[in-house]
């Protein structure tokens, strides 16, 4: 929610937020090609977005967590361009986009807030393009872990203790790396004392070392 709104404006925004909906692990929130009608605020849980390549493989395009908005991909062409799948049991609030647009014309703070959210997504997309275009495997995985830690920390979670809701294969798909490369790079980070890994639990032991991998001094 944008800050600095009157009680009346908050009530009007609250009125467009639909009922909470539970999404089971493995369930699809929306499909590629489906008509775009809503944005979804993730209350709890974790999602991945993916597209199916021409050879039938799933290509992961992003991971979204509690406190973030999902569904922005549908704004441009009025239909979704990816599948959104729950990586764990989740709960979302559906918000009709037509009502958000109508209210944004009257409440400037809401319009500004929506633009900020969209801008954040554009910046994130550019970051992914940089990852895939110019970084080595170690740099890609280090940047991924730092980004995940920063996003979790912004939501009140630990900055060093991560529970990966996605598989290593899904991380590899997102980063453009093979599963073996992801596993080998995790092992390298463990051997160098940068992280500690127990199944899906990752403890970042040396944040500066990860930062130095991404941005060598």
Protein backbone atom coordinates (compact mmCIF):
# COMPACT_ATOMS: atom_id res chain seq x y z
CA UNK A 1 0.00 0.00 0.00
CA UNK A 2 1.23 3.53 -0.71
CA UNK A 3 1.88 5.64 2.38
CA UNK A 4 0.32 8.99 3.29
CA UNK A 5 -3.26 8.22 2.26
CA UNK A 6 -6.38 9.44 4.01
CA UNK A 7 -8.71 6.94 5.72
CA UNK A 8 -11.20 7.40 2.90
CA UNK A 9 -8.58 6.64 0.23
CA UNK A 10 -7.37 3.60 2.15
CA UNK A 11 -10.95 2.34 2.43
CA UNK A 12 -11.44 2.77 -1.32
CA UNK A 13 -8.25 0.85 -2.09
CA UNK A 14 -9.23 -1.82 0.43
CA UNK A 15 -12.56 -2.24 -1.36
CA UNK A 16 -10.90 -3.43 -4.60
CA UNK A 17 -8.90 -6.16 -2.91
CA UNK A 18 -10.73 -9.40 -3.52
CA UNK A 19 -11.13 -12.32 -1.18
CA UNK A 20 -8.05 -14.22 -0.16
CA UNK A 21 -7.48 -17.35 -2.17
CA UNK A 22 -5.35 -20.35 -1.27
CA UNK A 23 -3.13 -21.87 -3.95
CA UNK A 24 -1.79 -25.36 -3.32
CA UNK A 25 1.81 -26.31 -4.04
CA UNK A 26 2.12 -27.18 -7.74
CA UNK A 27 -1.13 -25.40 -8.63
CA UNK A 28 -1.11 -22.80 -11.43
CA UNK A 29 -2.40 -19.33 -10.54
CA UNK A 30 -2.63 -18.25 -14.19
CA UNK A 31 -1.58 -19.73 -17.54
CA UNK A 32 0.33 -18.39 -20.52
CA UNK A 33 -2.26 -17.02 -22.97
CA UNK A 34 -4.95 -16.61 -20.32
CA UNK A 35 -6.88 -13.32 -20.42
CA UNK A 36 -5.44 -10.75 -18.02
CA UNK A 37 -7.94 -9.39 -15.50
CA UNK A 38 -6.21 -9.24 -12.10
CA UNK A 39 -2.99 -8.46 -10.32
CA UNK A 40 -2.23 -10.73 -7.39
CA UNK A 41 -0.66 -9.73 -4.09
CA UNK A 42 1.17 -12.69 -2.54
CA UNK A 43 0.29 -12.88 1.17
CA UNK A 44 2.16 -16.09 1.94
CA UNK A 45 4.17 -18.56 -0.06
CA UNK A 46 6.45 -18.61 -3.08
CA UNK A 47 5.76 -18.74 -6.82
CA UNK A 48 7.76 -19.25 -9.99
CA UNK A 49 6.89 -17.90 -13.42
CA UNK A 50 7.88 -19.92 -16.47
CA UNK A 51 7.35 -20.26 -20.19
CA UNK A 52 7.52 -23.40 -22.33
CA UNK A 53 10.22 -23.25 -24.98
CA UNK A 54 9.72 -24.52 -28.53
CA UNK A 55 11.33 -27.88 -27.67
CA UNK A 56 8.90 -28.36 -24.77
CA UNK A 57 11.24 -27.44 -21.90
CA UNK A 58 10.14 -25.18 -19.06
CA UNK A 59 12.17 -21.95 -18.85
CA UNK A 60 11.90 -20.27 -15.45
CA UNK A 61 11.58 -16.50 -15.83
CA UNK A 62 11.29 -15.43 -12.19
CA UNK A 63 10.59 -16.21 -8.54
CA UNK A 64 8.08 -14.22 -6.49
CA UNK A 65 7.59 -14.22 -2.73
CA UNK A 66 5.21 -12.96 -0.03
CA UNK A 67 4.85 -9.17 -0.17
CA UNK A 68 5.32 -8.99 -3.94
CA UNK A 69 2.87 -8.51 -6.82
CA UNK A 70 2.47 -11.11 -9.56
CA UNK A 71 0.64 -10.80 -12.89
CA UNK A 72 2.21 -7.61 -14.24
CA UNK A 73 3.20 -9.48 -17.42
CA UNK A 74 -0.42 -9.30 -18.61
CA UNK A 75 -0.77 -5.52 -18.66
CA UNK A 76 0.78 -4.89 -22.09
CA UNK A 77 -1.26 -7.24 -24.28
CA UNK A 78 -4.23 -8.04 -22.00
CA UNK A 79 -3.20 -11.68 -21.65
CA UNK A 80 -0.58 -13.45 -19.57
CA UNK A 81 2.70 -14.37 -21.22
CA UNK A 82 3.80 -17.00 -18.69
CA UNK A 83 2.56 -19.60 -16.22
CA UNK A 84 2.62 -18.78 -12.49
CA UNK A 85 3.02 -21.89 -10.33
CA UNK A 86 3.06 -22.15 -6.53
CA UNK A 87 6.30 -23.64 -5.18
CA UNK A 88 4.64 -24.16 -1.79
CA UNK A 89 1.16 -23.73 -0.32
CA UNK A 90 0.40 -20.03 -0.75
CA UNK A 91 -2.29 -17.42 -0.27
CA UNK A 92 -2.98 -14.48 -2.59
CA UNK A 93 -5.32 -11.49 -2.82
CA UNK A 94 -6.79 -10.90 -6.28
CA UNK A 95 -7.13 -7.24 -7.36
CA UNK A 96 -9.16 -6.40 -10.51
CA UNK A 97 -6.84 -4.32 -12.69
CA UNK A 98 -9.66 -2.30 -14.25
CA UNK A 99 -10.64 -1.06 -10.78
CA UNK A 100 -7.00 -0.29 -9.92
CA UNK A 101 -6.78 1.81 -13.11
CA UNK A 102 -10.03 3.66 -12.34
CA UNK A 103 -8.99 4.45 -8.78
CA UNK A 104 -5.46 5.44 -9.86
CA UNK A 105 -6.95 8.31 -11.88
CA UNK A 106 -8.42 9.75 -8.69
CA UNK A 107 -5.75 8.83 -6.12
CA UNK A 108 -2.39 10.07 -7.36
CA UNK A 109 -0.46 8.24 -4.65
CA UNK A 110 -1.88 4.92 -5.87
CA UNK A 111 -0.96 5.67 -9.48
CA UNK A 112 2.58 6.58 -8.42
CA UNK A 113 2.79 3.39 -6.36
CA UNK A 114 1.68 1.20 -9.28
CA UNK A 115 4.29 2.87 -11.48
CA UNK A 116 6.97 2.18 -8.85
CA UNK A 117 6.02 -1.50 -8.74
CA UNK A 118 6.17 -1.74 -12.54
CA UNK A 119 9.48 0.11 -12.62
CA UNK A 120 10.92 -2.29 -10.04
CA UNK A 121 9.97 -5.21 -12.30
CA UNK A 122 11.65 -3.57 -15.30
CA UNK A 123 14.85 -3.03 -13.29
CA UNK A 124 14.74 -6.68 -12.16
CA UNK A 125 14.29 -7.85 -15.76
CA UNK A 126 17.32 -5.82 -16.82
CA UNK A 127 19.29 -7.38 -13.97
CA UNK A 128 18.41 -10.86 -15.22
CA UNK A 129 19.45 -9.94 -18.76
CA UNK A 130 22.81 -8.78 -17.40
CA UNK A 131 23.15 -12.05 -15.48
CA UNK A 132 22.51 -14.18 -18.53
CA UNK A 133 24.46 -12.00 -20.92
CA UNK A 134 27.79 -11.39 -19.29
CA UNK A 135 28.36 -13.28 -16.02
CA UNK A 136 30.20 -16.50 -15.29
CA UNK A 137 28.45 -19.30 -13.35
CA UNK A 138 29.91 -18.21 -9.98
CA UNK A 139 28.80 -14.62 -10.57
CA UNK A 140 25.28 -15.67 -11.56
CA UNK A 141 24.72 -17.86 -8.50
CA UNK A 142 26.27 -15.29 -6.14
CA UNK A 143 24.05 -12.53 -7.57
CA UNK A 144 21.00 -14.79 -7.27
CA UNK A 145 21.69 -15.55 -3.57
CA UNK A 146 22.37 -11.88 -2.76
CA UNK A 147 19.18 -10.76 -4.51
CA UNK A 148 17.10 -13.40 -2.70
CA UNK A 149 18.62 -12.45 0.66
CA UNK A 150 17.99 -8.73 0.06
CA UNK A 151 14.34 -9.31 -0.91
CA UNK A 152 13.73 -11.54 2.11
CA UNK A 153 15.46 -9.07 4.44
CA UNK A 154 13.22 -6.26 3.12
CA UNK A 155 10.27 -8.34 4.34
CA UNK A 156 11.66 -8.84 7.84
CA UNK A 157 13.40 -12.18 7.36
CA UNK A 158 17.01 -13.10 8.05
CA UNK A 159 19.58 -11.73 5.62
CA UNK A 160 21.81 -14.76 5.94
CA UNK A 161 19.49 -17.76 6.49
CA UNK A 162 17.72 -18.81 3.30
CA UNK A 163 15.33 -21.68 2.68
CA UNK A 164 15.26 -22.29 -1.06
CA UNK A 165 11.67 -23.00 -2.12
CA UNK A 166 12.85 -23.80 -5.65
CA UNK A 167 14.90 -26.79 -6.79
CA UNK A 168 18.46 -26.50 -8.04
CA UNK A 169 17.15 -27.42 -11.47
CA UNK A 170 14.75 -24.46 -11.36
CA UNK A 171 17.57 -22.16 -10.24
CA UNK A 172 19.63 -23.44 -13.17
CA UNK A 173 16.77 -22.81 -15.59
CA UNK A 174 16.42 -19.24 -14.30
CA UNK A 175 20.16 -18.54 -14.46
CA UNK A 176 20.76 -20.29 -17.78
CA UNK A 177 22.97 -22.96 -16.19
CA UNK A 178 22.88 -26.75 -16.14
CA UNK A 179 22.00 -28.62 -12.95
CA UNK A 180 25.54 -30.01 -12.67
CA UNK A 181 26.97 -26.48 -12.91
CA UNK A 182 24.67 -25.24 -10.13
CA UNK A 183 25.64 -28.17 -7.87
CA UNK A 184 29.35 -27.73 -8.63
CA UNK A 185 29.18 -23.98 -7.93
CA UNK A 186 27.36 -24.50 -4.62
CA UNK A 187 30.08 -27.01 -3.65
CA UNK A 188 32.78 -24.47 -4.57
CA UNK A 189 31.13 -21.83 -2.37
CA UNK A 190 30.95 -24.34 0.51
CA UNK A 191 34.63 -25.33 0.10
CA UNK A 192 35.62 -21.65 0.16
CA UNK A 193 33.62 -21.01 3.35
CA UNK A 194 31.24 -18.58 1.65
CA UNK A 195 28.05 -20.52 2.39
CA UNK A 196 26.88 -23.52 4.35
CA UNK A 197 24.34 -25.78 2.61
CA UNK A 198 22.07 -28.42 4.15
CA UNK A 199 19.62 -29.63 1.50
CA UNK A 200 17.49 -26.51 0.79
CA UNK A 201 18.80 -24.51 3.74
CA UNK A 202 21.53 -22.05 2.80
CA UNK A 203 23.44 -20.09 5.43
CA UNK A 204 25.43 -17.20 3.96
CA UNK A 205 28.64 -17.08 6.00
CA UNK A 206 30.42 -14.33 4.08
CA UNK A 207 28.23 -11.77 2.34
CA UNK A 208 31.24 -9.67 1.33
CA UNK A 209 32.79 -12.64 -0.46
CA UNK A 210 29.59 -13.08 -2.50
CA UNK A 211 29.60 -9.37 -3.31
CA UNK A 212 33.25 -9.57 -4.38
CA UNK A 213 32.40 -12.44 -6.74
CA UNK A 214 29.73 -10.30 -8.42
CA UNK A 215 31.74 -7.05 -8.32
CA UNK A 216 35.47 -7.83 -8.06
CA UNK A 217 37.49 -5.03 -6.49
